[in-house]
Amino acid sequence: MPELRHDPIQRRWVIIATERGRRPDDFPRNEPEPTGGFCPFCEGNESKTPPEITAIRNGTGANQPGWEVRVVPNKFPALRIEGGLNRRGIGAYDQMNGVGAHEVIIETPKHSLQLADAPLEHIQKVLRIYRERLVDLLRDQRFKYVLIFKNHGAAAGASLSHPHTQLIATPVTPLTISEELNSAQDHYREKERCLFCDLIEQELDSGQRIVIAGDQFVALTPFASRFPFEIFIAPRNHHHSFAEITDSMLNSLAAVLKEVLLRVKKCLKDPPYNFLIHTIPNLQAGRSHGGHWETIEQDYHWHIEFIPRLTQVAGFEWGTGFYINPTAPEEAAKYLRETEL
């Protein structure tokens, strides 16, 4: 019997189509990425990207070979860092300049080294760069929010196969984040507890949807998963900001993230995927707005959403805001737990 499940974080309904019951082998296989050809992200091609913003290097100079992780502006940015917002109204409409930041974090000089297969110490360095860039951009009060996200595979939106992550800073708080902030704040006002902490505790007690239960981080398939094999990764203890993650937490996160990536790669035969980090907005830019900012350190809980791209969003989803998931999250978690690494 199909089930309707409600997501208390995003406040949306999901259809778990249990009668379809799709197993890992039922999903189409990821087509291998084309090999050969020129790649501007490979070591030795540093002059083919915009000048780097920062890098982890082995004693070499900027924009030269000898780096481990490298950050550059996106050559074709969605938003540009120069200028003022110039907020204005046009009748009933609002408009502002497309001011923001759009950066590319090149995860490795090796073209074919996926993050799943990178040494744990290298994943720690990538996460350290995520934190460094987030902290730096939050100093700019024009930016209300900074999203760090990774597209792996052409079907997930990656235009280059060389492993990389992107970062976009926006002058407004995205709608998805606003919904999470509203849910978290309402829950806290009613119960004086963090919504995310309550859900994590319940999931750990149940165990049905747990994929990994580390000392500091948990990975689970959400009760109302929108997509098959969707995974939610979060600190086990309350923590509101990825920008304030400690080195100890960062190292623990790297271990859990690597295991998630390996389990998904082996269980689902290296599917295209997206992962994104949801953290708090820029408090310095937003305190004056009140509302979310009053209790945000207590009510919000940063997390990573990991989404294998195994199904397509079609007319029903666009028309209703519902999602149809053909794999129950309990089954997805079981398959992932039982995957041999």
C-alpha atoms as a PDB file:
ATOM      1  CA  MET A   1       0.000   0.000   0.000  1.00  0.00           C
ATOM      2  CA  PRO A   2       1.475   3.402  -0.914  1.00  0.00           C
ATOM      3  CA  GLU A   3       2.053   5.805   1.954  1.00  0.00           C
ATOM      4  CA  LEU A   4       1.884   9.558   2.317  1.00  0.00           C
ATOM      5  CA  ARG A   5       4.604  10.799   4.659  1.00  0.00           C
ATOM      6  CA  HIS A   6       5.080  14.329   5.965  1.00  0.00           C
ATOM      7  CA  ASP A   7       8.482  15.992   6.290  1.00  0.00           C
ATOM      8  CA  PRO A   8       8.406  18.202   9.431  1.00  0.00           C
ATOM      9  CA  ILE A   9      11.484  20.160   8.319  1.00  0.00           C
ATOM     10  CA  GLN A  10      10.337  21.219   4.841  1.00  0.00           C
ATOM     11  CA  ARG A  11       6.640  20.760   5.679  1.00  0.00           C
ATOM     12  CA  ARG A  12       5.904  18.857   2.513  1.00  0.00           C
ATOM     13  CA  TRP A  13       4.268  15.546   1.711  1.00  0.00           C
ATOM     14  CA  VAL A  14       6.008  12.654  -0.029  1.00  0.00           C
ATOM     15  CA  ILE A  15       4.453   9.568  -1.612  1.00  0.00           C
ATOM     16  CA  ILE A  16       6.369   6.393  -0.790  1.00  0.00           C
ATOM     17  CA  ALA A  17       5.236   4.169  -3.657  1.00  0.00           C
ATOM     18  CA  THR A  18       5.928   0.851  -1.939  1.00  0.00           C
ATOM     19  CA  GLU A  19       4.129  -1.149  -4.646  1.00  0.00           C
ATOM     20  CA  ARG A  20       6.814  -0.091  -7.113  1.00  0.00           C
ATOM     21  CA  GLY A  21       9.471  -1.351  -4.668  1.00  0.00           C
ATOM     22  CA  ARG A  22      12.551  -0.485  -6.703  1.00  0.00           C
ATOM     23  CA  ARG A  23      15.787  -2.162  -5.617  1.00  0.00           C
ATOM     24  CA  PRO A  24      19.317  -0.853  -6.338  1.00  0.00           C
ATOM     25  CA  ASP A  25      19.648  -2.977  -9.499  1.00  0.00           C
ATOM     26  CA  ASP A  26      16.316  -1.669 -10.855  1.00  0.00           C
ATOM     27  CA  PHE A  27      17.676   1.823 -11.505  1.00  0.00           C
ATOM     28  CA  PRO A  28      19.419   2.678 -14.785  1.00  0.00           C
ATOM     29  CA  ARG A  29      23.192   2.529 -14.649  1.00  0.00           C
ATOM     30  CA  ASN A  30      25.258   5.711 -14.769  1.00  0.00           C
ATOM     31  CA  GLU A  31      26.854   6.131 -18.183  1.00  0.00           C
ATOM     32  CA  PRO A  32      30.651   6.449 -17.916  1.00  0.00           C
ATOM     33  CA  GLU A  33      31.927   9.978 -18.369  1.00  0.00           C
ATOM     34  CA  PRO A  34      33.783  10.593 -21.645  1.00  0.00           C
ATOM     35  CA  THR A  35      37.565  10.433 -21.292  1.00  0.00           C
ATOM     36  CA  GLY A  36      40.220  12.437 -23.083  1.00  0.00           C
ATOM     37  CA  GLY A  37      40.003  16.023 -24.230  1.00  0.00           C
ATOM     38  CA  PHE A  38      41.147  19.197 -22.541  1.00  0.00           C
ATOM     39  CA  CYS A  39      40.311  19.864 -18.877  1.00  0.00           C
ATOM     40  CA  PRO A  40      40.986  23.331 -17.406  1.00  0.00           C
ATOM     41  CA  PHE A  41      40.909  21.918 -13.856  1.00  0.00           C
ATOM     42  CA  CYS A  42      43.805  19.482 -14.317  1.00  0.00           C
ATOM     43  CA  GLU A  43      47.209  20.271 -12.861  1.00  0.00           C
ATOM     44  CA  GLY A  44      49.320  22.157 -15.390  1.00  0.00           C
ATOM     45  CA  ASN A  45      46.337  24.067 -16.806  1.00  0.00           C
ATOM     46  CA  GLU A  46      46.186  26.690 -14.046  1.00  0.00           C
ATOM     47  CA  SER A  47      46.414  29.522 -16.583  1.00  0.00           C
ATOM     48  CA  LYS A  48      43.154  28.345 -18.173  1.00  0.00           C
ATOM     49  CA  THR A  49      41.072  29.241 -15.103  1.00  0.00           C
ATOM     50  CA  PRO A  50      40.556  32.655 -13.512  1.00  0.00           C
ATOM     51  CA  PRO A  51      43.305  33.463 -10.958  1.00  0.00           C
ATOM     52  CA  GLU A  52      42.914  31.365  -7.812  1.00  0.00           C
ATOM     53  CA  ILE A  53      41.327  32.704  -4.648  1.00  0.00           C
ATOM     54  CA  THR A  54      43.106  30.268  -2.344  1.00  0.00           C
ATOM     55  CA  ALA A  55      44.699  26.844  -2.447  1.00  0.00           C
ATOM     56  CA  ILE A  56      46.343  24.162  -0.345  1.00  0.00           C
ATOM     57  CA  ARG A  57      49.811  23.935  -1.860  1.00  0.00           C
ATOM     58  CA  ASN A  58      53.076  22.095  -1.398  1.00  0.00           C
ATOM     59  CA  GLY A  59      55.274  25.184  -1.269  1.00  0.00           C
ATOM     60  CA  THR A  60      54.593  26.355  -4.826  1.00  0.00           C
ATOM     61  CA  GLY A  61      53.392  29.783  -5.926  1.00  0.00           C
ATOM     62  CA  ALA A  62      49.858  30.801  -6.782  1.00  0.00           C
ATOM     63  CA  ASN A  63      48.451  29.666 -10.140  1.00  0.00           C
ATOM     64  CA  GLN A  64      51.241  27.119 -10.570  1.00  0.00           C
ATOM     65  CA  PRO A  65      51.310  23.314 -10.366  1.00  0.00           C
ATOM     66  CA  GLY A  66      51.943  21.726  -6.979  1.00  0.00           C
ATOM     67  CA  TRP A  67      48.519  22.125  -5.321  1.00  0.00           C
ATOM     68  CA  GLU A  68      46.197  19.694  -3.553  1.00  0.00           C
ATOM     69  CA  VAL A  69      42.925  21.681  -3.446  1.00  0.00           C
ATOM     70  CA  ARG A  70      42.384  24.875  -5.430  1.00  0.00           C
ATOM     71  CA  VAL A  71      39.607  27.524  -5.400  1.00  0.00           C
ATOM     72  CA  VAL A  72      38.909  29.783  -8.388  1.00  0.00           C
ATOM     73  CA  PRO A  73      36.058  32.078  -9.407  1.00  0.00           C
ATOM     74  CA  ASN A  74      33.559  30.426 -11.739  1.00  0.00           C
ATOM     75  CA  LYS A  75      34.404  31.472 -15.283  1.00  0.00           C
ATOM     76  CA  PHE A  76      30.706  31.896 -16.051  1.00  0.00           C
ATOM     77  CA  PRO A  77      29.276  33.100 -12.701  1.00  0.00           C
ATOM     78  CA  ALA A  78      25.584  33.068 -11.885  1.00  0.00           C
ATOM     79  CA  LEU A  79      26.184  36.173  -9.738  1.00  0.00           C
ATOM     80  CA  ARG A  80      29.038  38.694  -9.756  1.00  0.00           C
ATOM     81  CA  ILE A  81      30.911  39.932  -6.728  1.00  0.00           C
ATOM     82  CA  GLU A  82      31.368  43.531  -7.874  1.00  0.00           C
ATOM     83  CA  GLY A  83      28.933  46.365  -7.175  1.00  0.00           C
ATOM     84  CA  GLY A  84      26.055  47.277  -4.920  1.00  0.00           C
ATOM     85  CA  LEU A  85      22.635  45.660  -4.679  1.00  0.00           C
ATOM     86  CA  ASN A  86      20.606  48.716  -5.754  1.00  0.00           C
ATOM     87  CA  ARG A  87      17.325  47.289  -4.468  1.00  0.00           C
ATOM     88  CA  ARG A  88      14.329  48.796  -6.267  1.00  0.00           C
ATOM     89  CA  GLY A  89      10.689  48.242  -7.026  1.00  0.00           C
ATOM     90  CA  ILE A  90       9.033  48.147 -10.425  1.00  0.00           C
ATOM     91  CA  GLY A  91       5.346  48.385  -9.664  1.00  0.00           C
ATOM     92  CA  ALA A  92       4.429  45.188  -7.834  1.00  0.00           C
ATOM     93  CA  TYR A  93       7.810  43.628  -8.622  1.00  0.00           C
ATOM     94  CA  ASP A  94      11.107  43.729  -6.733  1.00  0.00           C
ATOM     95  CA  GLN A  95      14.492  43.812  -8.367  1.00  0.00           C
ATOM     96  CA  MET A  96      18.166  44.134  -7.432  1.00  0.00           C
ATOM     97  CA  ASN A  97      21.526  43.752  -9.102  1.00  0.00           C
ATOM     98  CA  GLY A  98      22.865  40.221  -9.489  1.00  0.00           C
ATOM     99  CA  VAL A  99      25.512  40.624  -6.813  1.00  0.00           C
ATOM    100  CA  GLY A 100      26.967  37.560  -5.133  1.00  0.00           C
ATOM    101  CA  ALA A 101      29.864  35.149  -5.382  1.00  0.00           C
ATOM    102  CA  HIS A 102      30.291  32.005  -7.462  1.00  0.00           C
ATOM    103  CA  GLU A 103      33.380  29.901  -6.834  1.00  0.00           C
ATOM    104  CA  VAL A 104      34.681  26.488  -7.877  1.00  0.00           C
ATOM    105  CA  ILE A 105      36.527  24.283  -5.401  1.00  0.00           C
ATOM    106  CA  ILE A 106      38.717  21.945  -7.479  1.00  0.00           C
ATOM    107  CA  GLU A 107      38.992  18.975  -5.142  1.00  0.00           C
ATOM    108  CA  THR A 108      42.096  17.330  -6.560  1.00  0.00           C
ATOM    109  CA  PRO A 109      44.710  17.832  -9.308  1.00  0.00           C
ATOM    110  CA  LYS A 110      43.922  14.285 -10.500  1.00  0.00           C
ATOM    111  CA  HIS A 111      41.234  14.230 -13.161  1.00  0.00           C
ATOM    112  CA  SER A 112      39.724  10.837 -12.290  1.00  0.00           C
ATOM    113  CA  LEU A 113      40.111  10.749  -8.498  1.00  0.00           C
ATOM    114  CA  GLN A 114      36.561  10.815  -7.154  1.00  0.00           C
ATOM    115  CA  LEU A 115      35.978  12.099  -3.642  1.00  0.00           C
ATOM    116  CA  ALA A 116      34.787   8.625  -2.614  1.00  0.00           C
ATOM    117  CA  ASP A 117      38.196   7.169  -3.507  1.00  0.00           C
ATOM    118  CA  ALA A 118      40.366   9.973  -2.125  1.00  0.00           C
ATOM    119  CA  PRO A 119      42.403   9.327   1.041  1.00  0.00           C
ATOM    120  CA  LEU A 120      40.634  10.367   4.232  1.00  0.00           C
ATOM    121  CA  GLU A 121      43.276  13.036   4.895  1.00  0.00           C
ATOM    122  CA  HIS A 122      42.539  14.604   1.525  1.00  0.00           C
ATOM    123  CA  ILE A 123      38.783  14.721   2.166  1.00  0.00           C
ATOM    124  CA  GLN A 124      39.590  16.527   5.411  1.00  0.00           C
ATOM    125  CA  LYS A 125      41.490  19.140   3.388  1.00  0.00           C
ATOM    126  CA  VAL A 126      38.554  19.611   1.016  1.00  0.00           C
ATOM    127  CA  LEU A 127      36.184  20.127   3.952  1.00  0.00           C
ATOM    128  CA  ARG A 128      38.663  22.561   5.514  1.00  0.00           C
ATOM    129  CA  ILE A 129      38.537  24.633   2.323  1.00  0.00           C
ATOM    130  CA  TYR A 130      34.718  24.559   2.437  1.00  0.00           C
ATOM    131  CA  ARG A 131      34.858  26.014   5.945  1.00  0.00           C
ATOM    132  CA  GLU A 132      37.505  28.584   5.038  1.00  0.00           C
ATOM    133  CA  ARG A 133      35.559  29.928   2.064  1.00  0.00           C
ATOM    134  CA  LEU A 134      32.294  30.041   4.026  1.00  0.00           C
ATOM    135  CA  VAL A 135      33.899  32.009   6.871  1.00  0.00           C
ATOM    136  CA  ASP A 136      35.484  34.445   4.439  1.00  0.00           C
ATOM    137  CA  LEU A 137      32.320  35.157   2.447  1.00  0.00           C
ATOM    138  CA  LEU A 138      30.186  35.616   5.562  1.00  0.00           C
ATOM    139  CA  ARG A 139      32.270  38.713   6.300  1.00  0.00           C
ATOM    140  CA  ASP A 140      30.548  40.430   3.350  1.00  0.00           C
ATOM    141  CA  GLN A 141      27.227  41.818   4.589  1.00  0.00           C
ATOM    142  CA  ARG A 142      25.856  42.010   1.055  1.00  0.00           C
ATOM    143  CA  PHE A 143      25.557  38.217   1.172  1.00  0.00           C
ATOM    144  CA  LYS A 144      22.642  36.744   3.116  1.00  0.00           C
ATOM    145  CA  TYR A 145      23.378  33.104   2.371  1.00  0.00           C
ATOM    146  CA  VAL A 146      26.210  30.862   1.130  1.00  0.00           C
ATOM    147  CA  LEU A 147      25.405  27.455  -0.383  1.00  0.00           C
ATOM    148  CA  ILE A 148      28.128  24.838  -0.875  1.00  0.00           C
ATOM    149  CA  PHE A 149      27.058  22.104  -3.288  1.00  0.00           C
ATOM    150  CA  LYS A 150      28.526  19.322  -5.406  1.00  0.00           C
ATOM    151  CA  ASN A 151      27.200  17.985  -8.711  1.00  0.00           C
ATOM    152  CA  HIS A 152      28.633  14.583  -9.657  1.00  0.00           C
ATOM    153  CA  GLY A 153      27.859  13.313 -13.142  1.00  0.00           C
ATOM    154  CA  ALA A 154      26.235  14.978 -16.138  1.00  0.00           C
ATOM    155  CA  ALA A 155      22.725  13.956 -15.024  1.00  0.00           C
ATOM    156  CA  ALA A 156      23.328  15.839 -11.764  1.00  0.00           C
ATOM    157  CA  GLY A 157      24.381  19.032 -13.557  1.00  0.00           C
ATOM    158  CA  ALA A 158      28.163  18.658 -13.723  1.00  0.00           C
ATOM    159  CA  SER A 159      29.485  20.225 -16.930  1.00  0.00           C
ATOM    160  CA  LEU A 160      33.042  18.996 -16.239  1.00  0.00           C
ATOM    161  CA  SER A 161      33.868  15.511 -14.955  1.00  0.00           C
ATOM    162  CA  HIS A 162      36.961  16.626 -13.014  1.00  0.00           C
ATOM    163  CA  PRO A 163      35.943  16.385  -9.317  1.00  0.00           C
ATOM    164  CA  HIS A 164      34.848  19.778  -8.046  1.00  0.00           C
ATOM    165  CA  THR A 165      32.405  21.513  -5.722  1.00  0.00           C
ATOM    166  CA  GLN A 166      30.721  24.875  -6.206  1.00  0.00           C
ATOM    167  CA  LEU A 167      29.826  27.685  -3.848  1.00  0.00           C
ATOM    168  CA  ILE A 168      27.306  30.467  -4.489  1.00  0.00           C
ATOM    169  CA  ALA A 169      26.684  33.395  -2.141  1.00  0.00           C
ATOM    170  CA  THR A 170      23.327  35.136  -2.607  1.00  0.00           C
ATOM    171  CA  PRO A 171      21.985  38.530  -1.454  1.00  0.00           C
ATOM    172  CA  VAL A 172      18.727  36.902  -0.273  1.00  0.00           C
ATOM    173  CA  THR A 173      17.973  33.861   1.894  1.00  0.00           C
ATOM    174  CA  PRO A 174      16.777  31.018  -0.393  1.00  0.00           C
ATOM    175  CA  LEU A 175      13.184  29.837  -0.023  1.00  0.00           C
ATOM    176  CA  THR A 176      14.215  26.299   0.935  1.00  0.00           C
ATOM    177  CA  ILE A 177      16.351  27.608   3.791  1.00  0.00           C
ATOM    178  CA  SER A 178      13.574  29.971   4.908  1.00  0.00           C
ATOM    179  CA  GLU A 179      11.190  27.009   5.168  1.00  0.00           C
ATOM    180  CA  GLU A 180      13.676  25.121   7.317  1.00  0.00           C
ATOM    181  CA  LEU A 181      14.240  28.184   9.502  1.00  0.00           C
ATOM    182  CA  ASN A 182      10.485  28.613  10.008  1.00  0.00           C
ATOM    183  CA  SER A 183      10.003  24.962  10.960  1.00  0.00           C
ATOM    184  CA  ALA A 184      12.959  25.002  13.340  1.00  0.00           C
ATOM    185  CA  GLN A 185      11.894  28.223  15.002  1.00  0.00           C
ATOM    186  CA  ASP A 186       8.253  27.160  15.436  1.00  0.00           C
ATOM    187  CA  HIS A 187       9.312  23.860  16.993  1.00  0.00           C
ATOM    188  CA  TYR A 188      11.685  25.626  19.375  1.00  0.00           C
ATOM    189  CA  ARG A 189       9.082  28.188  20.425  1.00  0.00           C
ATOM    190  CA  GLU A 190       6.599  25.429  21.226  1.00  0.00           C
ATOM    191  CA  LYS A 191       8.918  22.893  22.858  1.00  0.00           C
ATOM    192  CA  GLU A 192      12.191  24.714  23.604  1.00  0.00           C
ATOM    193  CA  ARG A 193      14.053  21.962  21.762  1.00  0.00           C
ATOM    194  CA  CYS A 194      15.766  21.660  18.407  1.00  0.00           C
ATOM    195  CA  LEU A 195      13.577  19.955  15.793  1.00  0.00           C
ATOM    196  CA  PHE A 196      16.583  18.322  14.155  1.00  0.00           C
ATOM    197  CA  CYS A 197      17.916  17.016  17.474  1.00  0.00           C
ATOM    198  CA  ASP A 198      14.509  15.497  18.233  1.00  0.00           C
ATOM    199  CA  LEU A 199      14.392  13.770  14.841  1.00  0.00           C
ATOM    200  CA  ILE A 200      17.973  12.495  15.114  1.00  0.00           C
ATOM    201  CA  GLU A 201      17.333  11.079  18.587  1.00  0.00           C
ATOM    202  CA  GLN A 202      14.171   9.338  17.370  1.00  0.00           C
ATOM    203  CA  GLU A 203      15.977   7.878  14.340  1.00  0.00           C
ATOM    204  CA  LEU A 204      18.848   6.598  16.489  1.00  0.00           C
ATOM    205  CA  ASP A 205      16.356   4.971  18.871  1.00  0.00           C
ATOM    206  CA  SER A 206      14.510   3.315  15.982  1.00  0.00           C
ATOM    207  CA  GLY A 207      17.567   2.337  13.919  1.00  0.00           C
ATOM    208  CA  GLN A 208      15.403   1.500  10.875  1.00  0.00           C
ATOM    209  CA  ARG A 209      16.724   4.289   8.690  1.00  0.00           C
ATOM    210  CA  ILE A 210      20.261   4.610  10.080  1.00  0.00           C
ATOM    211  CA  VAL A 211      23.056   4.123   7.544  1.00  0.00           C
ATOM    212  CA  ILE A 212      26.014   5.180   9.739  1.00  0.00           C
ATOM    213  CA  ALA A 213      26.028   6.109  13.417  1.00  0.00           C
ATOM    214  CA  GLY A 214      29.422   7.645  14.106  1.00  0.00           C
ATOM    215  CA  ASP A 215      30.644   9.165  17.351  1.00  0.00           C
ATOM    216  CA  GLN A 216      29.963  12.723  16.162  1.00  0.00           C
ATOM    217  CA  PHE A 217      27.859  12.342  12.997  1.00  0.00           C
ATOM    218  CA  VAL A 218      24.905  10.315  11.841  1.00  0.00           C
ATOM    219  CA  ALA A 219      23.853   9.422   8.288  1.00  0.00           C
ATOM    220  CA  LEU A 220      20.265   8.300   7.730  1.00  0.00           C
ATOM    221  CA  THR A 221      17.596   8.000   5.081  1.00  0.00           C
ATOM    222  CA  PRO A 222      14.881  10.558   5.977  1.00  0.00           C
ATOM    223  CA  PHE A 223      11.428   9.271   6.997  1.00  0.00           C
ATOM    224  CA  ALA A 224       9.862  11.315   4.153  1.00  0.00           C
ATOM    225  CA  SER A 225      12.678  10.892   1.626  1.00  0.00           C
ATOM    226  CA  ARG A 226      11.909  12.725  -1.603  1.00  0.00           C
ATOM    227  CA  PHE A 227      14.206  10.532  -3.670  1.00  0.00           C
ATOM    228  CA  PRO A 228      15.331   6.893  -3.511  1.00  0.00           C
ATOM    229  CA  PHE A 229      18.454   6.480  -1.377  1.00  0.00           C
ATOM    230  CA  GLU A 230      18.398  10.113  -0.241  1.00  0.00           C
ATOM    231  CA  ILE A 231      20.697  10.543   2.791  1.00  0.00           C
ATOM    232  CA  PHE A 232      20.722  13.118   5.577  1.00  0.00           C
ATOM    233  CA  ILE A 233      24.060  13.701   7.369  1.00  0.00           C
ATOM    234  CA  ALA A 234      24.212  15.804  10.539  1.00  0.00           C
ATOM    235  CA  PRO A 235      26.077  16.248  13.818  1.00  0.00           C
ATOM    236  CA  ARG A 236      24.683  13.972  16.537  1.00  0.00           C
ATOM    237  CA  ASN A 237      24.907  16.814  19.064  1.00  0.00           C
ATOM    238  CA  HIS A 238      23.363  20.221  18.457  1.00  0.00           C
ATOM    239  CA  HIS A 239      25.420  22.489  16.218  1.00  0.00           C
ATOM    240  CA  HIS A 240      24.028  25.409  14.245  1.00  0.00           C
ATOM    241  CA  SER A 241      26.773  26.528  11.854  1.00  0.00           C
ATOM    242  CA  PHE A 242      29.117  24.719   9.469  1.00  0.00           C
ATOM    243  CA  ALA A 243      31.334  27.814   9.585  1.00  0.00           C
ATOM    244  CA  GLU A 244      32.029  27.026  13.256  1.00  0.00           C
ATOM    245  CA  ILE A 245      32.825  23.327  12.841  1.00  0.00           C
ATOM    246  CA  THR A 246      35.890  22.313  14.863  1.00  0.00           C
ATOM    247  CA  ASP A 247      38.831  20.388  13.430  1.00  0.00           C
ATOM    248  CA  SER A 248      37.758  17.340  15.432  1.00  0.00           C
ATOM    249  CA  MET A 249      34.242  17.503  13.970  1.00  0.00           C
ATOM    250  CA  LEU A 250      35.652  18.103  10.509  1.00  0.00           C
ATOM    251  CA  ASN A 251      37.789  14.962  10.712  1.00  0.00           C
ATOM    252  CA  SER A 252      34.813  12.902  11.923  1.00  0.00           C
ATOM    253  CA  LEU A 253      32.633  14.310   9.144  1.00  0.00           C
ATOM    254  CA  ALA A 254      35.252  13.378   6.553  1.00  0.00           C
ATOM    255  CA  ALA A 255      35.151   9.741   7.706  1.00  0.00           C
ATOM    256  CA  VAL A 256      31.340   9.562   7.575  1.00  0.00           C
ATOM    257  CA  LEU A 257      31.154  11.365   4.224  1.00  0.00           C
ATOM    258  CA  LYS A 258      33.729   9.025   2.691  1.00  0.00           C
ATOM    259  CA  GLU A 259      31.807   5.968   3.905  1.00  0.00           C
ATOM    260  CA  VAL A 260      28.517   7.357   2.550  1.00  0.00           C
ATOM    261  CA  LEU A 261      30.126   8.054  -0.821  1.00  0.00           C
ATOM    262  CA  LEU A 262      31.652   4.564  -0.983  1.00  0.00           C
ATOM    263  CA  ARG A 263      28.429   2.815   0.036  1.00  0.00           C
ATOM    264  CA  VAL A 264      26.413   4.732  -2.558  1.00  0.00           C
ATOM    265  CA  LYS A 265      29.031   4.147  -5.243  1.00  0.00           C
ATOM    266  CA  LYS A 266      29.128   0.385  -4.646  1.00  0.00           C
ATOM    267  CA  CYS A 267      25.447  -0.172  -3.912  1.00  0.00           C
ATOM    268  CA  LEU A 268      24.142   1.909  -6.825  1.00  0.00           C
ATOM    269  CA  LYS A 269      27.046   1.491  -9.278  1.00  0.00           C
ATOM    270  CA  ASP A 270      28.389   5.059  -9.107  1.00  0.00           C
ATOM    271  CA  PRO A 271      25.203   7.060  -9.743  1.00  0.00           C
ATOM    272  CA  PRO A 272      25.130  10.770 -10.497  1.00  0.00           C
ATOM    273  CA  TYR A 273      24.393  12.699  -7.321  1.00  0.00           C
ATOM    274  CA  ASN A 274      24.130  16.094  -5.676  1.00  0.00           C
ATOM    275  CA  PHE A 275      25.093  16.944  -2.162  1.00  0.00           C
ATOM    276  CA  LEU A 276      24.627  20.291  -0.474  1.00  0.00           C
ATOM    277  CA  ILE A 277      25.337  21.836   2.889  1.00  0.00           C
ATOM    278  CA  HIS A 278      22.495  23.627   4.666  1.00  0.00           C
ATOM    279  CA  THR A 279      23.790  25.963   7.359  1.00  0.00           C
ATOM    280  CA  ILE A 280      22.558  29.178   8.967  1.00  0.00           C
ATOM    281  CA  PRO A 281      22.305  32.427   6.973  1.00  0.00           C
ATOM    282  CA  ASN A 282      24.729  35.296   7.454  1.00  0.00           C
ATOM    283  CA  LEU A 283      23.759  36.532  10.928  1.00  0.00           C
ATOM    284  CA  GLN A 284      25.698  39.784  10.601  1.00  0.00           C
ATOM    285  CA  ALA A 285      23.687  40.654   7.496  1.00  0.00           C
ATOM    286  CA  GLY A 286      20.359  39.499   8.892  1.00  0.00           C
ATOM    287  CA  ARG A 287      20.129  40.361  12.589  1.00  0.00           C
ATOM    288  CA  SER A 288      18.237  43.538  11.829  1.00  0.00           C
ATOM    289  CA  HIS A 289      15.371  41.500  10.337  1.00  0.00           C
ATOM    290  CA  GLY A 290      14.463  39.836  13.663  1.00  0.00           C
ATOM    291  CA  GLY A 291      12.365  36.685  13.395  1.00  0.00           C
ATOM    292  CA  HIS A 292      14.677  33.794  12.556  1.00  0.00           C
ATOM    293  CA  TRP A 293      17.642  35.450  14.180  1.00  0.00           C
ATOM    294  CA  GLU A 294      16.309  35.486  17.739  1.00  0.00           C
ATOM    295  CA  THR A 295      16.929  31.834  18.641  1.00  0.00           C
ATOM    296  CA  ILE A 296      18.736  30.518  15.584  1.00  0.00           C
ATOM    297  CA  GLU A 297      21.780  29.269  17.496  1.00  0.00           C
ATOM    298  CA  GLN A 298      19.434  27.080  19.572  1.00  0.00           C
ATOM    299  CA  ASP A 299      16.842  26.057  16.992  1.00  0.00           C
ATOM    300  CA  TYR A 300      18.756  25.405  13.735  1.00  0.00           C
ATOM    301  CA  HIS A 301      20.982  22.396  13.097  1.00  0.00           C
ATOM    302  CA  TRP A 302      23.269  22.374  10.043  1.00  0.00           C
ATOM    303  CA  HIS A 303      23.266  19.276   7.853  1.00  0.00           C
ATOM    304  CA  ILE A 304      24.159  17.774   4.485  1.00  0.00           C
ATOM    305  CA  GLU A 305      21.554  16.524   2.029  1.00  0.00           C
ATOM    306  CA  PHE A 306      22.837  13.803  -0.306  1.00  0.00           C
ATOM    307  CA  ILE A 307      20.649  12.998  -3.322  1.00  0.00           C
ATOM    308  CA  PRO A 308      21.457  10.236  -5.845  1.00  0.00           C
ATOM    309  CA  ARG A 309      19.872  11.141  -9.174  1.00  0.00           C
ATOM    310  CA  LEU A 310      18.046   7.892  -9.881  1.00  0.00           C
ATOM    311  CA  THR A 311      14.596   9.210 -10.853  1.00  0.00           C
ATOM    312  CA  GLN A 312      13.273  12.255 -12.679  1.00  0.00           C
ATOM    313  CA  VAL A 313      11.088  15.035 -11.370  1.00  0.00           C
ATOM    314  CA  ALA A 314       8.106  15.247 -13.731  1.00  0.00           C
ATOM    315  CA  GLY A 315       4.697  16.870 -14.133  1.00  0.00           C
ATOM    316  CA  PHE A 316       3.073  15.606 -10.938  1.00  0.00           C
ATOM    317  CA  GLU A 317       5.958  16.839  -8.809  1.00  0.00           C
ATOM    318  CA  TRP A 318       6.068  20.243 -10.482  1.00  0.00           C
ATOM    319  CA  GLY A 319       2.321  20.612 -10.289  1.00  0.00           C
ATOM    320  CA  THR A 320       1.845  19.617  -6.654  1.00  0.00           C
ATOM    321  CA  GLY A 321       5.139  19.993  -4.808  1.00  0.00           C
ATOM    322  CA  PHE A 322       4.784  16.299  -3.824  1.00  0.00           C
ATOM    323  CA  TYR A 323       7.527  13.815  -4.627  1.00  0.00           C
ATOM    324  CA  ILE A 324       7.058  10.145  -5.537  1.00  0.00           C
ATOM    325  CA  ASN A 325       9.748   7.880  -4.114  1.00  0.00           C
ATOM    326  CA  PRO A 326       9.689   4.272  -5.379  1.00  0.00           C
ATOM    327  CA  THR A 327      12.048   2.968  -2.668  1.00  0.00           C
ATOM    328  CA  ALA A 328      11.058   3.047   0.994  1.00  0.00           C
ATOM    329  CA  PRO A 329      13.791   4.745   3.046  1.00  0.00           C
ATOM    330  CA  GLU A 330      13.870   1.766   5.427  1.00  0.00           C
ATOM    331  CA  GLU A 331      14.760  -0.506   2.497  1.00  0.00           C
ATOM    332  CA  ALA A 332      17.297   1.982   1.140  1.00  0.00           C
ATOM    333  CA  ALA A 333      19.046   2.177   4.515  1.00  0.00           C
ATOM    334  CA  LYS A 334      19.146  -1.634   4.721  1.00  0.00           C
ATOM    335  CA  TYR A 335      20.704  -1.967   1.264  1.00  0.00           C
ATOM    336  CA  LEU A 336      23.308   0.689   2.082  1.00  0.00           C
ATOM    337  CA  ARG A 337      24.172  -0.821   5.482  1.00  0.00           C
ATOM    338  CA  GLU A 338      24.614  -4.258   3.962  1.00  0.00           C
ATOM    339  CA  THR A 339      26.832  -3.088   1.115  1.00  0.00           C
ATOM    340  CA  GLU A 340      30.309  -4.549   1.521  1.00  0.00           C
ATOM    341  CA  LEU A 341      33.104  -1.978   1.352  1.00  0.00           C
END
